[in-house]
Amino acid sequence: MFDGEQTRRLSVREFRQIAGRAGRRGYDTAGDVVCQAPAHVIENKQLAGKAAGDVKKQRKIAFKKPPDRGYVHWDEATFKRLIDSPPEALQSQFRIDHGILLSLLERPPDVVPRSYRALIRLISYSHERDVIKARLRRRGKELFKALRMAEVVHLRPSPSGKASQVVINEDLQRDFSLHQSLSLYLVEALRVLDPDAPSYALDMLSFVEAILENPGAVLEAQTRKARDAAFQRLKAEGAEYDQRMAELDKVSYPKPNAELIYSTFNDYAAHHPWLGTENIRPKSVVRDMYEQYLSFNDYIKEYGLARAEGVLLRYLSDAYKTLVQTVPDPMWNDELIDVAGYLRSALQRVDASLLEEWERMLDSDAAAPSEESTRVHDLARDPRMLRSRIRAELHILVKALAARDYEEAADCVRGDVAEPWTPERLEQALAPFFASYERLVADHRARQTQWTLIDPGEPRTWRVRQVLLDPQDDNFWYLEGRVDLREDTPDGPLIELLAIAK
């Protein structure tokens, strides 16, 4: 579609609105909007034009066919019909969910109206028909009851005694959010997990991923890789072709804890009829990355996602925000803190500015951005996130050193110091280690909490130490560093590496 000199594709609705306005104003609609024919029709006319007057060439023309999938035919008659028909009326799409309701309940006391009355007024101001407004008020009542059942909010008698006050659960984090459509299910379902189970943090991560939208391109790549591995296994076992095909049809992307997730969701749906068509979607993307401890770029290479980097980045961002804002504080443990730190570090290395802006918006006490200052989230006032970032950066550094990728390792520590660690300096410092041991252990054992020491020093400074594991379990070597937040949170890595010693 062409609109003036700017070329862009218009939807049918946009075209109808433009054509309708032009017709009402007495304009020549054919002169205002030029509709380009389908691509195959244009090519066929070009081929016919080249063969004009030559019968033999006309017989040999191989006319193009329309695309097999997703094609909807249009021609001049189609657009004349759109021009002559009246414009479509805009339909209100107003909806309410737990996120909207919680935002209204969290309004400051000086904002009027607040609490549940604010929701009633919001519904009354919407452009829905009266019958839809009544339905929305009933849904709002059901959502409010669900929040009380989940102990997200509770009622407290007001000082005047006239009406009860709605109070947010004080055990929840300051930035608690329910903006995913199934966030409340997540809050309730996480209670079935055993905090003492070894896989508690990873199982919790599976529940978080189950309420997110499916990243189609990533899941297709996971399925493709799983089927290739299954095909090679079946072929090595000597399975017949028909048997191999039947088994491959059963292979899909990984779905950890699928049975538990489906059963808890069915129980939840039975008591919350307002869910409608909402459904749960078990999958493993963040968990898969964390278990393999792959960086963003490594994961792209692992599954061949070069053309779907944006899909993966958006999914990781949604997963991180949901994990940080929706999982209640009392349910966090050290390993889940490590997962959050790892995920944040992976995102920071891809798009630090977007992540830091989101964190700055969460920090209600942060200064507003100006020419003099663009202060971001103050980690010194968030011990949990500070600890997770330190541990994640140390583990990524150890992984790079184990792979002897010294350029990557140099990027994992602060470079704005008096004596920065260059790749050559890192290689020289680790040469005695690799002379004594064949490799540096960087698997899940290296990420256990006992190998990382974080001690506070002077105000807003911390001393950190990461033990380097070796195959012989001597574990004499360590990384020594510090974190200094006295001026501000650095844009890049937090850790200033001081020494590699034993």
Foldseek 3Di string as FASTA:
>chain_A
DDAPPDDDDDDLLRLLVVLQVCVVVVHDSCVGDPDDADPQVVVQVVQCVVCPPPPVSVVVDDRDDDDPPDDDHDDPVNSVVSNPDHRDDDDFPDADALQVLVVQLPDDPVDPPGHPVVVLVVLVPGPDDPVVSVVRNVLSVLRVVLCVVLQQWDWAQDPVRPDTRIGGPPQFDPQAGDPQRCLSLLSVLLVVADLPDPCSLVVNLQSLLFSDDDLVVLFVLQLVVQLVVLLVVCVVVVHDPVVSVVVSVVGGADFPPVVSNQVSVVVVCVSRVVCPPDDTHGHDDLSVCVQVVHALVRSCVVRVVPVPSVSVLVSLVSSLCSLVRRHGPVSDDPVNLLSSLLSLQSNCVPPLVVVQVVQQVSPPPDDDDDPVDDATHFCLVVVSNVVNNVLNLVLQLLVCVQVLVLQSNQQSADQPDPDGQHSVNSCVQCVVVCVVAVTWDRHVVQSDPVQWDWADDPVQKIKIKGFIAGPVRPRPWIWTWMFHDPPGQDSGHRTHTDHIGD
